[in-house]
Amino acid sequence: MFQKLLGKNISNDEVVQYFKSLKSEPIQRENNVSNLYDYEWLFKEDGILITVLNSIIISIKVYFSPTPICQPFRDEFVWGLSYISSENDIKKQFDFPENLNREPMRADNIYQHKNCTVAFDAMTGEINYGEIRL
């Protein structure tokens, strides 16, 4: 579903219908710092962050934890990542390179492959979020 939304205009019927199907009302956050995107919509109860540039969806981030703020996402995200439960799974089942975040005080271990980024809690190894971009 998310891959179908990437690159579409926010006024597209499919996008509008998807937004209506979500439980939460979007919280809009304007970007006044850089020109990478115009604004983001956070659907807090659904655990979804949509990034928009020139009225086009350029990024979708799904937060898998923490619950109960965001319920774990059970539908297909990308490449079967909905079924990943720990950092070991992504190393064994997918062709993601090693941890990209080498900061000593990091909160997340970050893996990236093609247009997808996945982050795991550095302490517990549980998946925090997955993001796909144009």
Protein backbone atom coordinates (compact mmCIF):
# COMPACT_ATOMS: atom_id res chain seq x y z
CA MET A 1 0.00 0.00 0.00
CA PHE A 2 2.69 2.51 0.99
CA GLN A 3 4.68 2.03 -2.20
CA LYS A 4 1.55 2.94 -4.17
CA LEU A 5 1.27 6.25 -2.28
CA LEU A 6 4.87 7.36 -2.86
CA GLY A 7 5.13 9.97 -5.60
CA LYS A 8 1.41 10.72 -5.67
CA ASN A 9 -0.18 14.11 -5.18
CA ILE A 10 -1.88 14.55 -1.81
CA SER A 11 -5.15 15.40 -3.58
CA ASN A 12 -5.15 12.07 -5.48
CA ASP A 13 -8.32 10.05 -4.75
CA GLU A 14 -6.35 7.01 -3.59
CA VAL A 15 -4.33 9.13 -1.15
CA VAL A 16 -7.43 10.92 0.19
CA GLN A 17 -9.23 7.59 0.73
CA TYR A 18 -6.20 6.18 2.55
CA PHE A 19 -6.03 9.20 4.86
CA LYS A 20 -9.74 8.81 5.63
CA SER A 21 -9.19 5.16 6.56
CA LEU A 22 -6.72 6.07 9.33
CA LYS A 23 -7.87 6.32 12.94
CA SER A 24 -6.16 9.56 13.87
CA GLU A 25 -6.40 13.12 12.62
CA PRO A 26 -3.16 14.35 11.05
CA ILE A 27 -0.92 16.76 12.92
CA GLN A 28 0.80 18.99 10.38
CA ARG A 29 4.38 20.08 11.03
CA GLU A 30 5.75 22.81 8.76
CA ASN A 31 9.41 22.77 7.73
CA ASN A 32 10.96 26.21 8.07
CA VAL A 33 14.56 25.02 8.30
CA SER A 34 15.50 23.38 5.00
CA ASN A 35 14.18 22.88 1.50
CA LEU A 36 14.18 19.07 1.73
CA TYR A 37 10.42 18.98 2.33
CA ASP A 38 7.51 21.39 2.85
CA TYR A 39 5.69 19.71 5.72
CA GLU A 40 4.95 16.41 7.43
CA TRP A 41 1.71 14.86 8.57
CA LEU A 42 1.87 12.75 11.69
CA PHE A 43 -0.96 10.26 12.22
CA LYS A 44 -0.04 9.56 15.82
CA GLU A 45 -2.41 6.72 16.76
CA ASP A 46 -1.63 4.95 13.48
CA GLY A 47 2.12 5.46 13.85
CA ILE A 48 2.55 6.93 10.37
CA LEU A 49 4.53 10.01 9.29
CA ILE A 50 3.98 11.30 5.72
CA THR A 51 6.50 13.77 4.27
CA VAL A 52 5.34 16.11 1.48
CA LEU A 53 7.29 18.24 -1.01
CA ASN A 54 5.44 20.33 -3.64
CA SER A 55 2.19 18.48 -2.78
CA ILE A 56 3.85 15.11 -3.59
CA ILE A 57 4.38 12.36 -1.01
CA ILE A 58 8.15 11.80 -0.88
CA SER A 59 8.49 9.67 2.25
CA ILE A 60 6.43 7.41 4.48
CA LYS A 61 7.69 6.36 7.90
CA VAL A 62 5.91 3.69 9.92
CA TYR A 63 6.64 3.52 13.64
CA PHE A 64 6.46 -0.04 14.91
CA SER A 65 6.92 0.96 18.53
CA PRO A 66 6.47 2.18 21.20
CA THR A 67 3.08 0.80 22.05
CA PRO A 68 0.48 1.82 23.09
CA ILE A 69 1.19 5.20 21.47
CA CYS A 70 1.53 3.39 18.13
CA GLN A 71 0.21 -0.12 17.68
CA PRO A 72 2.65 -2.43 15.86
CA PHE A 73 1.94 -2.24 12.15
CA ARG A 74 0.83 -5.61 10.79
CA ASP A 75 0.24 -4.92 7.09
CA GLU A 76 2.86 -5.24 4.38
CA PHE A 77 5.34 -2.37 4.53
CA VAL A 78 8.10 -3.18 2.06
CA TRP A 79 10.00 -6.42 1.39
CA GLY A 80 8.11 -8.21 4.18
CA LEU A 81 9.50 -5.90 6.86
CA SER A 82 6.27 -6.15 8.81
CA TYR A 83 7.46 -9.53 9.97
CA ILE A 84 10.81 -8.32 11.31
CA SER A 85 10.95 -8.51 15.08
CA SER A 86 14.61 -7.86 15.84
CA GLU A 87 17.89 -6.65 14.40
CA ASN A 88 19.04 -10.23 13.90
CA ASP A 89 16.12 -10.84 11.53
CA ILE A 90 17.14 -8.05 9.16
CA LYS A 91 20.71 -9.34 9.02
CA LYS A 92 19.60 -12.89 8.26
CA GLN A 93 16.60 -12.40 5.95
CA PHE A 94 17.37 -9.26 3.95
CA ASP A 95 20.25 -7.76 2.01
CA PHE A 96 20.71 -4.72 4.25
CA PRO A 97 24.26 -3.45 4.82
CA GLU A 98 25.74 -3.26 8.28
CA ASN A 99 24.65 -0.67 10.83
CA LEU A 100 25.12 2.83 9.38
CA ASN A 101 24.93 4.67 12.70
CA ARG A 102 28.36 4.58 14.31
CA GLU A 103 27.74 7.24 16.96
CA PRO A 104 28.78 5.97 20.41
CA MET A 105 25.68 7.39 22.18
CA ARG A 106 23.20 6.39 19.47
CA ALA A 107 19.59 5.61 20.28
CA ASP A 108 18.98 3.65 17.07
CA ASN A 109 20.92 1.22 14.90
CA ILE A 110 20.08 2.25 11.34
CA TYR A 111 20.13 0.05 8.24
CA GLN A 112 19.48 1.25 4.71
CA HIS A 113 18.87 -0.61 1.46
CA LYS A 114 17.78 1.09 -1.77
CA ASN A 115 14.97 3.48 -0.79
CA CYS A 116 14.23 1.87 2.58
CA THR A 117 15.63 2.69 6.03
CA VAL A 118 14.99 0.59 9.12
CA ALA A 119 15.93 1.57 12.68
CA PHE A 120 16.28 -0.65 15.73
CA ASP A 121 16.57 0.33 19.37
CA ALA A 122 20.29 0.20 20.18
CA MET A 123 19.65 -1.27 23.63
CA THR A 124 16.93 -3.85 22.97
CA GLY A 125 17.33 -4.58 19.25
CA GLU A 126 13.57 -4.16 18.69
CA ILE A 127 12.43 -2.48 15.48
CA ASN A 128 11.49 1.19 15.96
CA TYR A 129 10.54 2.32 12.48
CA GLY A 130 10.75 1.66 8.78
CA GLU A 131 10.82 4.39 6.16
CA ILE A 132 10.53 4.35 2.38
CA ARG A 133 11.44 7.32 0.17
CA LEU A 134 11.17 8.30 -3.47
